Amino acid sequence: MSNFSEFKQKYKSSLKSMDTEETIDLMFYRPIGYAWATLCAKLGIVPNVITIASIFLGFAGGVLFYYSDMWLNVIGMFLIIWANSFDSADGQLARLTGNYSRLGRILDGLSGDFWFFAIYFAICFRENVTSAFFSMDGHHWIIWTVAIITGICHAKQAASADYYRQFHLFFLKGKDGSELDSVAQLDEQLSALSWKHNFWKKITLFFYRNYTANQEKMTPRMQRLRAVLKERFGEVASDEFRTAFRARSKPLMKYTNMLSFNTRIIALFVSLFLEMPWLYFAFELTVLNLMMIYMVCRHEIMCLRFTKQLENGAY
């Protein structure tokens, strides 16, 4: 019984939080990820190595969606699922071992971008997509334009979902349990680095700084709330505020999860089984964009209300 309790405790410590975990992840990816993480910990493999392996697996899976052969598509789906189990494992291993790094966070974010970069190219070059869109007039630019617009929307969807999740974790678990950053802090760190002596570290931080800047531009009322909180409480908000914020923010976490991996990959797999992969672009442009807009609006309204309450002396 004690061994099971110890196992359960270690497994729970490998999760971000129950507030932010998705059902599919809890039932499938997190148990598999924990098994990978445990094995890698015994072998001395660090989280970044798992992340890099996930990039290669996911990229290879995406390339296989170029072919109209369903069996090759199924192999590609398996590789994508395998890659995502590694993507889960790297974070779980980092939490189990305390081996965190900003490079790891950046690589973790980039891994999915590499997968979908390959997926978008494969769909655009795929034979049945080409015949569906270009058999009449040969306008090859149409599908590429759709893919580029979809990719931009995908990036904004994923970035906003990640940002709201980190903001929630910041109030739930504190600074050590969140990866929430600010452009002001990153600018200070950038200025302290030399291009001559810290080239790779500085260029990595430069791109991460721009990623964070885009997140902040999408959330002006959240940034106002952060400024008011810092002025009022310093680095740590009151327990009363943290409890109130968590209660309001938690219902929105389901939207951050839907904008992450599982919902979009299910839509992709369905479109491949229907042999209409271009439907995936339509899904991202309509359903996921509407979901993102709804999530952003609700979160910004919530932040505005909390800001007004703080300015009126509440908490």
C-alpha atoms as a PDB file:
ATOM      1  CA  MET A   1       0.000   0.000   0.000  1.00  0.00           C
ATOM      2  CA  SER A   2       2.853   2.369   0.898  1.00  0.00           C
ATOM      3  CA  ASN A   3       4.546   1.629  -2.426  1.00  0.00           C
ATOM      4  CA  PHE A   4       1.338   2.465  -4.291  1.00  0.00           C
ATOM      5  CA  SER A   5       0.934   5.689  -2.289  1.00  0.00           C
ATOM      6  CA  GLU A   6       4.518   6.645  -3.106  1.00  0.00           C
ATOM      7  CA  PHE A   7       3.952   5.881  -6.797  1.00  0.00           C
ATOM      8  CA  LYS A   8       0.745   7.940  -6.819  1.00  0.00           C
ATOM      9  CA  GLN A   9       2.468  10.865  -5.142  1.00  0.00           C
ATOM     10  CA  LYS A  10       5.366  10.828  -7.619  1.00  0.00           C
ATOM     11  CA  TYR A  11       2.954  10.603 -10.551  1.00  0.00           C
ATOM     12  CA  LYS A  12       0.954  13.588  -9.253  1.00  0.00           C
ATOM     13  CA  SER A  13       4.157  15.574  -8.788  1.00  0.00           C
ATOM     14  CA  SER A  14       4.933  15.037 -12.481  1.00  0.00           C
ATOM     15  CA  LEU A  15       1.735  16.868 -13.509  1.00  0.00           C
ATOM     16  CA  LYS A  16       1.429  20.617 -13.935  1.00  0.00           C
ATOM     17  CA  SER A  17      -1.807  20.815 -11.954  1.00  0.00           C
ATOM     18  CA  MET A  18      -5.217  19.179 -11.980  1.00  0.00           C
ATOM     19  CA  ASP A  19      -6.679  22.596 -12.840  1.00  0.00           C
ATOM     20  CA  THR A  20      -4.935  22.657 -16.195  1.00  0.00           C
ATOM     21  CA  GLU A  21      -4.819  18.988 -17.193  1.00  0.00           C
ATOM     22  CA  GLU A  22      -7.057  17.710 -19.998  1.00  0.00           C
ATOM     23  CA  THR A  23      -9.041  14.455 -19.743  1.00  0.00           C
ATOM     24  CA  ILE A  24      -7.353  12.814 -22.745  1.00  0.00           C
ATOM     25  CA  ASP A  25      -3.948  13.698 -21.330  1.00  0.00           C
ATOM     26  CA  LEU A  26      -4.782  12.331 -17.899  1.00  0.00           C
ATOM     27  CA  MET A  27      -6.183   9.095 -19.322  1.00  0.00           C
ATOM     28  CA  PHE A  28      -3.593   8.489 -22.035  1.00  0.00           C
ATOM     29  CA  TYR A  29      -0.577  10.765 -22.513  1.00  0.00           C
ATOM     30  CA  ARG A  30       0.360  11.486 -18.892  1.00  0.00           C
ATOM     31  CA  PRO A  31       0.579   7.796 -17.811  1.00  0.00           C
ATOM     32  CA  ILE A  32       2.657   6.971 -20.899  1.00  0.00           C
ATOM     33  CA  GLY A  33       4.735  10.120 -20.399  1.00  0.00           C
ATOM     34  CA  TYR A  34       5.351   9.180 -16.776  1.00  0.00           C
ATOM     35  CA  ALA A  35       6.606   5.750 -17.851  1.00  0.00           C
ATOM     36  CA  TRP A  36       9.004   7.373 -20.355  1.00  0.00           C
ATOM     37  CA  ALA A  37      10.084   9.941 -17.749  1.00  0.00           C
ATOM     38  CA  THR A  38      10.789   7.260 -15.147  1.00  0.00           C
ATOM     39  CA  LEU A  39      12.834   5.230 -17.626  1.00  0.00           C
ATOM     40  CA  CYS A  40      14.797   8.287 -18.774  1.00  0.00           C
ATOM     41  CA  ALA A  41      15.499   9.310 -15.176  1.00  0.00           C
ATOM     42  CA  LYS A  42      17.024   5.879 -14.522  1.00  0.00           C
ATOM     43  CA  LEU A  43      19.107   6.123 -17.721  1.00  0.00           C
ATOM     44  CA  GLY A  44      20.254   9.670 -16.972  1.00  0.00           C
ATOM     45  CA  ILE A  45      18.568  11.154 -20.041  1.00  0.00           C
ATOM     46  CA  VAL A  46      17.755  14.862 -19.636  1.00  0.00           C
ATOM     47  CA  PRO A  47      14.426  16.446 -20.704  1.00  0.00           C
ATOM     48  CA  ASN A  48      15.862  18.343 -23.694  1.00  0.00           C
ATOM     49  CA  VAL A  49      16.992  15.080 -25.293  1.00  0.00           C
ATOM     50  CA  ILE A  50      13.421  13.769 -25.123  1.00  0.00           C
ATOM     51  CA  THR A  51      12.137  17.025 -26.614  1.00  0.00           C
ATOM     52  CA  ILE A  52      14.550  16.795 -29.551  1.00  0.00           C
ATOM     53  CA  ALA A  53      13.523  13.169 -30.128  1.00  0.00           C
ATOM     54  CA  SER A  54       9.873  14.281 -30.185  1.00  0.00           C
ATOM     55  CA  ILE A  55      10.712  16.849 -32.876  1.00  0.00           C
ATOM     56  CA  PHE A  56      12.133  14.165 -35.174  1.00  0.00           C
ATOM     57  CA  LEU A  57       9.246  11.763 -34.529  1.00  0.00           C
ATOM     58  CA  GLY A  58       6.558  14.388 -35.065  1.00  0.00           C
ATOM     59  CA  PHE A  59       8.239  15.802 -38.162  1.00  0.00           C
ATOM     60  CA  ALA A  60       8.535  12.309 -39.691  1.00  0.00           C
ATOM     61  CA  GLY A  61       4.871  11.654 -38.901  1.00  0.00           C
ATOM     62  CA  GLY A  62       3.844  14.896 -40.576  1.00  0.00           C
ATOM     63  CA  VAL A  63       5.813  14.078 -43.733  1.00  0.00           C
ATOM     64  CA  LEU A  64       3.901  10.784 -44.096  1.00  0.00           C
ATOM     65  CA  PHE A  65       0.638  12.731 -44.487  1.00  0.00           C
ATOM     66  CA  TYR A  66       1.888  13.750 -47.943  1.00  0.00           C
ATOM     67  CA  TYR A  67       0.977  10.297 -49.239  1.00  0.00           C
ATOM     68  CA  SER A  68      -2.593   9.328 -50.112  1.00  0.00           C
ATOM     69  CA  ASP A  69      -1.883   5.784 -48.897  1.00  0.00           C
ATOM     70  CA  MET A  70      -3.972   5.360 -45.725  1.00  0.00           C
ATOM     71  CA  TRP A  71      -1.549   2.877 -44.178  1.00  0.00           C
ATOM     72  CA  LEU A  72       1.276   5.416 -44.420  1.00  0.00           C
ATOM     73  CA  ASN A  73      -1.070   7.997 -42.918  1.00  0.00           C
ATOM     74  CA  VAL A  74      -1.802   5.655 -40.008  1.00  0.00           C
ATOM     75  CA  ILE A  75       1.946   5.203 -39.424  1.00  0.00           C
ATOM     76  CA  GLY A  76       2.227   8.997 -39.458  1.00  0.00           C
ATOM     77  CA  MET A  77      -0.565   9.228 -36.870  1.00  0.00           C
ATOM     78  CA  PHE A  78       1.247   6.708 -34.682  1.00  0.00           C
ATOM     79  CA  LEU A  79       4.470   8.747 -34.909  1.00  0.00           C
ATOM     80  CA  ILE A  80       2.602  11.942 -33.993  1.00  0.00           C
ATOM     81  CA  ILE A  81       1.056  10.215 -30.968  1.00  0.00           C
ATOM     82  CA  TRP A  82       4.467   8.832 -29.994  1.00  0.00           C
ATOM     83  CA  ALA A  83       5.976  12.314 -30.358  1.00  0.00           C
ATOM     84  CA  ASN A  84       3.300  13.795 -28.126  1.00  0.00           C
ATOM     85  CA  SER A  85       3.933  11.152 -25.474  1.00  0.00           C
ATOM     86  CA  PHE A  86       7.571  12.327 -25.512  1.00  0.00           C
ATOM     87  CA  ASP A  87       6.355  15.927 -25.370  1.00  0.00           C
ATOM     88  CA  SER A  88       4.465  14.989 -22.217  1.00  0.00           C
ATOM     89  CA  ALA A  89       7.439  13.055 -20.831  1.00  0.00           C
ATOM     90  CA  ASP A  90       9.949  15.901 -21.091  1.00  0.00           C
ATOM     91  CA  GLY A  91       7.886  18.162 -18.844  1.00  0.00           C
ATOM     92  CA  GLN A  92       7.127  15.340 -16.418  1.00  0.00           C
ATOM     93  CA  LEU A  93      10.807  14.417 -16.237  1.00  0.00           C
ATOM     94  CA  ALA A  94      11.716  18.077 -15.613  1.00  0.00           C
ATOM     95  CA  ARG A  95       9.239  18.265 -12.733  1.00  0.00           C
ATOM     96  CA  LEU A  96      10.379  14.937 -11.267  1.00  0.00           C
ATOM     97  CA  THR A  97      14.073  15.813 -11.381  1.00  0.00           C
ATOM     98  CA  GLY A  98      13.931  19.600 -11.013  1.00  0.00           C
ATOM     99  CA  ASN A  99      15.886  19.875 -14.287  1.00  0.00           C
ATOM    100  CA  TYR A 100      14.248  23.040 -15.651  1.00  0.00           C
ATOM    101  CA  SER A 101      15.691  25.429 -18.206  1.00  0.00           C
ATOM    102  CA  ARG A 102      14.413  28.232 -20.391  1.00  0.00           C
ATOM    103  CA  LEU A 103      15.963  26.441 -23.375  1.00  0.00           C
ATOM    104  CA  GLY A 104      13.809  23.457 -22.479  1.00  0.00           C
ATOM    105  CA  ARG A 105      10.675  25.615 -22.449  1.00  0.00           C
ATOM    106  CA  ILE A 106      11.581  27.119 -25.822  1.00  0.00           C
ATOM    107  CA  LEU A 107      12.356  23.716 -27.341  1.00  0.00           C
ATOM    108  CA  ASP A 108       9.123  22.335 -25.927  1.00  0.00           C
ATOM    109  CA  GLY A 109       7.182  25.135 -27.589  1.00  0.00           C
ATOM    110  CA  LEU A 110       9.043  24.738 -30.875  1.00  0.00           C
ATOM    111  CA  SER A 111       8.547  20.983 -31.061  1.00  0.00           C
ATOM    112  CA  GLY A 112       4.865  21.282 -31.975  1.00  0.00           C
ATOM    113  CA  ASP A 113       5.714  24.011 -34.499  1.00  0.00           C
ATOM    114  CA  PHE A 114       8.063  21.609 -36.299  1.00  0.00           C
ATOM    115  CA  TRP A 115       5.375  18.900 -36.382  1.00  0.00           C
ATOM    116  CA  PHE A 116       2.746  21.174 -37.854  1.00  0.00           C
ATOM    117  CA  PHE A 117       5.223  22.776 -40.248  1.00  0.00           C
ATOM    118  CA  ALA A 118       5.709  19.329 -41.770  1.00  0.00           C
ATOM    119  CA  ILE A 119       1.955  18.623 -41.643  1.00  0.00           C
ATOM    120  CA  TYR A 120       1.053  21.847 -43.474  1.00  0.00           C
ATOM    121  CA  PHE A 121       3.599  21.225 -46.212  1.00  0.00           C
ATOM    122  CA  ALA A 122       2.469  17.617 -46.593  1.00  0.00           C
ATOM    123  CA  ILE A 123      -1.174  18.651 -46.956  1.00  0.00           C
ATOM    124  CA  CYS A 124      -0.324  21.345 -49.517  1.00  0.00           C
ATOM    125  CA  PHE A 125       1.721  18.943 -51.653  1.00  0.00           C
ATOM    126  CA  ARG A 126      -0.634  15.992 -51.199  1.00  0.00           C
ATOM    127  CA  GLU A 127      -2.000  14.665 -54.492  1.00  0.00           C
ATOM    128  CA  ASN A 128      -5.705  14.536 -53.629  1.00  0.00           C
ATOM    129  CA  VAL A 129      -5.547  18.082 -52.243  1.00  0.00           C
ATOM    130  CA  THR A 130      -3.883  19.270 -55.424  1.00  0.00           C
ATOM    131  CA  SER A 131      -6.539  17.660 -57.634  1.00  0.00           C
ATOM    132  CA  ALA A 132      -9.375  19.014 -55.472  1.00  0.00           C
ATOM    133  CA  PHE A 133      -8.168  22.612 -55.592  1.00  0.00           C
ATOM    134  CA  PHE A 134      -6.333  22.964 -58.894  1.00  0.00           C
ATOM    135  CA  SER A 135      -7.952  20.690 -61.450  1.00  0.00           C
ATOM    136  CA  MET A 136     -10.029  23.522 -62.890  1.00  0.00           C
ATOM    137  CA  ASP A 137      -7.795  26.603 -63.044  1.00  0.00           C
ATOM    138  CA  GLY A 138      -4.373  25.653 -61.705  1.00  0.00           C
ATOM    139  CA  HIS A 139      -4.338  28.325 -59.000  1.00  0.00           C
ATOM    140  CA  HIS A 140      -1.717  26.663 -56.814  1.00  0.00           C
ATOM    141  CA  TRP A 141      -1.392  29.761 -54.646  1.00  0.00           C
ATOM    142  CA  ILE A 142      -4.830  29.209 -53.098  1.00  0.00           C
ATOM    143  CA  ILE A 143      -3.927  26.273 -50.870  1.00  0.00           C
ATOM    144  CA  TRP A 144      -0.595  27.884 -49.901  1.00  0.00           C
ATOM    145  CA  THR A 145      -2.339  31.117 -48.955  1.00  0.00           C
ATOM    146  CA  VAL A 146      -4.841  29.167 -46.864  1.00  0.00           C
ATOM    147  CA  ALA A 147      -1.996  27.220 -45.233  1.00  0.00           C
ATOM    148  CA  ILE A 148      -0.020  30.370 -44.360  1.00  0.00           C
ATOM    149  CA  ILE A 149      -3.069  32.093 -42.862  1.00  0.00           C
ATOM    150  CA  THR A 150      -3.926  28.912 -40.957  1.00  0.00           C
ATOM    151  CA  GLY A 151      -0.358  28.670 -39.649  1.00  0.00           C
ATOM    152  CA  ILE A 152      -0.460  32.252 -38.370  1.00  0.00           C
ATOM    153  CA  CYS A 153      -3.784  31.566 -36.650  1.00  0.00           C
ATOM    154  CA  HIS A 154      -2.397  28.329 -35.207  1.00  0.00           C
ATOM    155  CA  ALA A 155       0.552  30.202 -33.703  1.00  0.00           C
ATOM    156  CA  LYS A 156      -1.728  32.779 -32.072  1.00  0.00           C
ATOM    157  CA  GLN A 157      -4.077  30.086 -30.769  1.00  0.00           C
ATOM    158  CA  ALA A 158      -1.259  28.083 -29.197  1.00  0.00           C
ATOM    159  CA  ALA A 159       0.492  31.173 -27.787  1.00  0.00           C
ATOM    160  CA  SER A 160      -2.656  32.559 -26.164  1.00  0.00           C
ATOM    161  CA  ALA A 161      -3.579  29.152 -24.698  1.00  0.00           C
ATOM    162  CA  ASP A 162      -0.078  28.730 -23.256  1.00  0.00           C
ATOM    163  CA  TYR A 163      -0.102  32.249 -21.800  1.00  0.00           C
ATOM    164  CA  TYR A 164      -3.438  31.879 -20.026  1.00  0.00           C
ATOM    165  CA  ARG A 165      -2.390  28.508 -18.643  1.00  0.00           C
ATOM    166  CA  GLN A 166       0.849  29.946 -17.249  1.00  0.00           C
ATOM    167  CA  PHE A 167      -1.050  32.895 -15.756  1.00  0.00           C
ATOM    168  CA  HIS A 168      -3.409  30.494 -13.983  1.00  0.00           C
ATOM    169  CA  LEU A 169      -0.504  28.386 -12.709  1.00  0.00           C
ATOM    170  CA  PHE A 170       1.203  31.532 -11.413  1.00  0.00           C
ATOM    171  CA  PHE A 171      -1.664  32.205  -9.009  1.00  0.00           C
ATOM    172  CA  LEU A 172      -2.225  28.533  -8.254  1.00  0.00           C
ATOM    173  CA  LYS A 173       1.353  27.413  -7.557  1.00  0.00           C
ATOM    174  CA  GLY A 174       3.375  30.613  -7.421  1.00  0.00           C
ATOM    175  CA  LYS A 175       6.353  31.692  -9.505  1.00  0.00           C
ATOM    176  CA  ASP A 176       8.174  28.361  -9.146  1.00  0.00           C
ATOM    177  CA  GLY A 177       5.156  26.453 -10.505  1.00  0.00           C
ATOM    178  CA  SER A 178       4.683  28.660 -13.547  1.00  0.00           C
ATOM    179  CA  GLU A 179       6.746  29.674 -16.571  1.00  0.00           C
ATOM    180  CA  LEU A 180       5.165  33.125 -16.781  1.00  0.00           C
ATOM    181  CA  ASP A 181       7.630  35.755 -18.025  1.00  0.00           C
ATOM    182  CA  SER A 182       7.495  39.434 -18.892  1.00  0.00           C
ATOM    183  CA  VAL A 183       9.127  41.413 -21.691  1.00  0.00           C
ATOM    184  CA  ALA A 184      10.631  43.849 -19.170  1.00  0.00           C
ATOM    185  CA  GLN A 185      12.444  41.040 -17.349  1.00  0.00           C
ATOM    186  CA  LEU A 186      13.581  39.419 -20.594  1.00  0.00           C
ATOM    187  CA  ASP A 187      14.908  42.753 -21.894  1.00  0.00           C
ATOM    188  CA  GLU A 188      17.054  43.070 -18.768  1.00  0.00           C
ATOM    189  CA  GLN A 189      18.430  39.579 -19.272  1.00  0.00           C
ATOM    190  CA  LEU A 190      19.089  40.270 -22.957  1.00  0.00           C
ATOM    191  CA  SER A 191      21.013  43.458 -22.214  1.00  0.00           C
ATOM    192  CA  ALA A 192      23.221  41.551 -19.775  1.00  0.00           C
ATOM    193  CA  LEU A 193      24.299  39.097 -22.491  1.00  0.00           C
ATOM    194  CA  SER A 194      26.962  39.722 -25.101  1.00  0.00           C
ATOM    195  CA  TRP A 195      26.499  38.766 -28.767  1.00  0.00           C
ATOM    196  CA  LYS A 196      30.210  37.956 -28.879  1.00  0.00           C
ATOM    197  CA  HIS A 197      30.406  35.732 -25.787  1.00  0.00           C
ATOM    198  CA  ASN A 198      26.797  34.484 -25.455  1.00  0.00           C
ATOM    199  CA  PHE A 199      25.640  34.343 -29.077  1.00  0.00           C
ATOM    200  CA  TRP A 200      23.434  31.215 -28.967  1.00  0.00           C
ATOM    201  CA  LYS A 201      21.970  32.004 -25.563  1.00  0.00           C
ATOM    202  CA  LYS A 202      21.216  35.573 -26.631  1.00  0.00           C
ATOM    203  CA  ILE A 203      19.628  34.671 -29.958  1.00  0.00           C
ATOM    204  CA  THR A 204      17.466  32.039 -28.252  1.00  0.00           C
ATOM    205  CA  LEU A 205      16.385  34.565 -25.647  1.00  0.00           C
ATOM    206  CA  PHE A 206      15.782  37.153 -28.385  1.00  0.00           C
ATOM    207  CA  PHE A 207      13.224  34.948 -30.158  1.00  0.00           C
ATOM    208  CA  TYR A 208      11.635  33.955 -26.854  1.00  0.00           C
ATOM    209  CA  ARG A 209      11.383  37.629 -25.923  1.00  0.00           C
ATOM    210  CA  ASN A 210       9.504  38.345 -29.169  1.00  0.00           C
ATOM    211  CA  TYR A 211       7.202  35.381 -28.522  1.00  0.00           C
ATOM    212  CA  THR A 212       6.412  36.786 -25.071  1.00  0.00           C
ATOM    213  CA  ALA A 213       5.910  40.285 -26.539  1.00  0.00           C
ATOM    214  CA  ASN A 214       3.262  38.926 -28.928  1.00  0.00           C
ATOM    215  CA  GLN A 215       1.495  37.257 -26.000  1.00  0.00           C
ATOM    216  CA  GLU A 216       1.453  40.532 -24.095  1.00  0.00           C
ATOM    217  CA  LYS A 217       0.112  42.487 -27.085  1.00  0.00           C
ATOM    218  CA  MET A 218      -2.854  40.111 -27.303  1.00  0.00           C
ATOM    219  CA  THR A 219      -3.724  40.666 -23.625  1.00  0.00           C
ATOM    220  CA  PRO A 220      -3.662  44.396 -22.750  1.00  0.00           C
ATOM    221  CA  ARG A 221      -6.080  44.098 -19.812  1.00  0.00           C
ATOM    222  CA  MET A 222      -4.110  41.202 -18.372  1.00  0.00           C
ATOM    223  CA  GLN A 223      -0.985  43.377 -18.524  1.00  0.00           C
ATOM    224  CA  ARG A 224      -2.820  46.165 -16.708  1.00  0.00           C
ATOM    225  CA  LEU A 225      -3.887  43.672 -14.035  1.00  0.00           C
ATOM    226  CA  ARG A 226      -0.288  42.449 -13.649  1.00  0.00           C
ATOM    227  CA  ALA A 227       0.912  46.036 -13.215  1.00  0.00           C
ATOM    228  CA  VAL A 228      -1.753  46.821 -10.584  1.00  0.00           C
ATOM    229  CA  LEU A 229      -0.989  43.576  -8.723  1.00  0.00           C
ATOM    230  CA  LYS A 230       2.720  44.339  -8.640  1.00  0.00           C
ATOM    231  CA  GLU A 231       2.069  47.864  -7.397  1.00  0.00           C
ATOM    232  CA  ARG A 232      -0.333  46.617  -4.730  1.00  0.00           C
ATOM    233  CA  PHE A 233       1.330  43.387  -3.519  1.00  0.00           C
ATOM    234  CA  GLY A 234       4.812  43.230  -5.005  1.00  0.00           C
ATOM    235  CA  GLU A 235       5.804  39.778  -6.263  1.00  0.00           C
ATOM    236  CA  VAL A 236       3.196  37.714  -4.369  1.00  0.00           C
ATOM    237  CA  ALA A 237      -0.539  38.503  -4.403  1.00  0.00           C
ATOM    238  CA  SER A 238      -2.698  37.940  -1.337  1.00  0.00           C
ATOM    239  CA  ASP A 239      -4.187  34.496  -0.721  1.00  0.00           C
ATOM    240  CA  GLU A 240      -7.657  36.037  -0.996  1.00  0.00           C
ATOM    241  CA  PHE A 241      -6.952  37.352  -4.479  1.00  0.00           C
ATOM    242  CA  ARG A 242      -5.270  34.143  -5.620  1.00  0.00           C
ATOM    243  CA  THR A 243      -8.280  32.092  -4.512  1.00  0.00           C
ATOM    244  CA  ALA A 244     -10.724  34.442  -6.222  1.00  0.00           C
ATOM    245  CA  PHE A 245      -8.694  34.499  -9.441  1.00  0.00           C
ATOM    246  CA  ARG A 246      -8.359  30.717  -9.557  1.00  0.00           C
ATOM    247  CA  ALA A 247     -12.139  30.298  -9.166  1.00  0.00           C
ATOM    248  CA  ARG A 248     -12.806  32.618 -12.118  1.00  0.00           C
ATOM    249  CA  SER A 249      -9.950  31.379 -14.294  1.00  0.00           C
ATOM    250  CA  LYS A 250     -10.383  27.627 -13.855  1.00  0.00           C
ATOM    251  CA  PRO A 251     -13.505  27.308 -16.113  1.00  0.00           C
ATOM    252  CA  LEU A 252     -11.483  28.879 -18.940  1.00  0.00           C
ATOM    253  CA  MET A 253      -8.765  26.228 -18.767  1.00  0.00           C
ATOM    254  CA  LYS A 254     -10.846  23.846 -20.878  1.00  0.00           C
ATOM    255  CA  TYR A 255     -10.522  26.299 -23.774  1.00  0.00           C
ATOM    256  CA  THR A 256      -6.757  26.523 -23.383  1.00  0.00           C
ATOM    257  CA  ASN A 257      -6.643  22.733 -23.596  1.00  0.00           C
ATOM    258  CA  MET A 258      -8.883  22.628 -26.669  1.00  0.00           C
ATOM    259  CA  LEU A 259      -6.574  25.117 -28.384  1.00  0.00           C
ATOM    260  CA  SER A 260      -3.503  23.018 -27.638  1.00  0.00           C
ATOM    261  CA  PHE A 261      -2.869  19.573 -29.142  1.00  0.00           C
ATOM    262  CA  ASN A 262      -5.629  17.010 -28.703  1.00  0.00           C
ATOM    263  CA  THR A 263      -8.602  18.769 -30.300  1.00  0.00           C
ATOM    264  CA  ARG A 264      -6.700  19.846 -33.381  1.00  0.00           C
ATOM    265  CA  ILE A 265      -4.978  16.489 -33.868  1.00  0.00           C
ATOM    266  CA  ILE A 266      -8.319  14.644 -33.665  1.00  0.00           C
ATOM    267  CA  ALA A 267      -9.669  17.009 -36.346  1.00  0.00           C
ATOM    268  CA  LEU A 268      -6.573  16.339 -38.457  1.00  0.00           C
ATOM    269  CA  PHE A 269      -6.891  12.556 -38.165  1.00  0.00           C
ATOM    270  CA  VAL A 270     -10.608  12.682 -39.038  1.00  0.00           C
ATOM    271  CA  SER A 271      -9.877  14.788 -42.125  1.00  0.00           C
ATOM    272  CA  LEU A 272      -7.220  12.274 -43.213  1.00  0.00           C
ATOM    273  CA  PHE A 273      -9.577   9.313 -42.761  1.00  0.00           C
ATOM    274  CA  LEU A 274     -12.149  11.189 -44.869  1.00  0.00           C
ATOM    275  CA  GLU A 275      -9.392  11.782 -47.465  1.00  0.00           C
ATOM    276  CA  MET A 276     -10.144  15.506 -47.288  1.00  0.00           C
ATOM    277  CA  PRO A 277      -7.133  16.844 -45.334  1.00  0.00           C
ATOM    278  CA  TRP A 278      -7.899  20.423 -46.374  1.00  0.00           C
ATOM    279  CA  LEU A 279     -10.852  20.209 -43.943  1.00  0.00           C
ATOM    280  CA  TYR A 280      -8.295  20.552 -41.170  1.00  0.00           C
ATOM    281  CA  PHE A 281      -7.419  24.053 -42.387  1.00  0.00           C
ATOM    282  CA  ALA A 282     -11.116  24.928 -42.383  1.00  0.00           C
ATOM    283  CA  PHE A 283     -11.439  23.629 -38.810  1.00  0.00           C
ATOM    284  CA  GLU A 284      -8.552  25.760 -37.548  1.00  0.00           C
ATOM    285  CA  LEU A 285      -9.752  28.862 -39.377  1.00  0.00           C
ATOM    286  CA  THR A 286     -13.332  28.618 -38.125  1.00  0.00           C
ATOM    287  CA  VAL A 287     -13.882  26.536 -34.985  1.00  0.00           C
ATOM    288  CA  LEU A 288     -10.523  27.137 -33.283  1.00  0.00           C
ATOM    289  CA  ASN A 289     -10.372  30.830 -34.180  1.00  0.00           C
ATOM    290  CA  LEU A 290     -13.854  31.402 -32.769  1.00  0.00           C
ATOM    291  CA  MET A 291     -12.830  29.500 -29.647  1.00  0.00           C
ATOM    292  CA  MET A 292      -9.710  31.638 -29.278  1.00  0.00           C
ATOM    293  CA  ILE A 293     -11.662  34.883 -29.693  1.00  0.00           C
ATOM    294  CA  TYR A 294     -14.203  33.753 -27.102  1.00  0.00           C
ATOM    295  CA  MET A 295     -11.453  32.730 -24.662  1.00  0.00           C
ATOM    296  CA  VAL A 296      -9.520  35.986 -25.092  1.00  0.00           C
ATOM    297  CA  CYS A 297     -12.637  38.129 -24.656  1.00  0.00           C
ATOM    298  CA  ARG A 298     -13.746  36.287 -21.519  1.00  0.00           C
ATOM    299  CA  HIS A 299     -10.283  36.417 -19.984  1.00  0.00           C
ATOM    300  CA  GLU A 300      -9.801  40.111 -20.763  1.00  0.00           C
ATOM    301  CA  ILE A 301     -13.198  40.953 -19.250  1.00  0.00           C
ATOM    302  CA  MET A 302     -12.279  38.958 -16.145  1.00  0.00           C
ATOM    303  CA  CYS A 303      -8.944  40.799 -15.840  1.00  0.00           C
ATOM    304  CA  LEU A 304     -10.688  44.173 -16.226  1.00  0.00           C
ATOM    305  CA  ARG A 305     -13.098  43.328 -13.398  1.00  0.00           C
ATOM    306  CA  PHE A 306     -10.288  42.238 -11.089  1.00  0.00           C
ATOM    307  CA  THR A 307      -8.323  45.394 -11.923  1.00  0.00           C
ATOM    308  CA  LYS A 308     -11.271  47.624 -11.023  1.00  0.00           C
ATOM    309  CA  GLN A 309     -11.799  45.717  -7.763  1.00  0.00           C
ATOM    310  CA  LEU A 310      -8.123  46.121  -6.815  1.00  0.00           C
ATOM    311  CA  GLU A 311      -8.180  49.819  -7.666  1.00  0.00           C
ATOM    312  CA  ASN A 312     -11.229  50.160  -5.387  1.00  0.00           C
ATOM    313  CA  GLY A 313      -9.352  48.588  -2.485  1.00  0.00           C
ATOM    314  CA  ALA A 314     -10.619  45.005  -2.641  1.00  0.00           C
ATOM    315  CA  TYR A 315      -8.461  42.016  -1.588  1.00  0.00           C
END
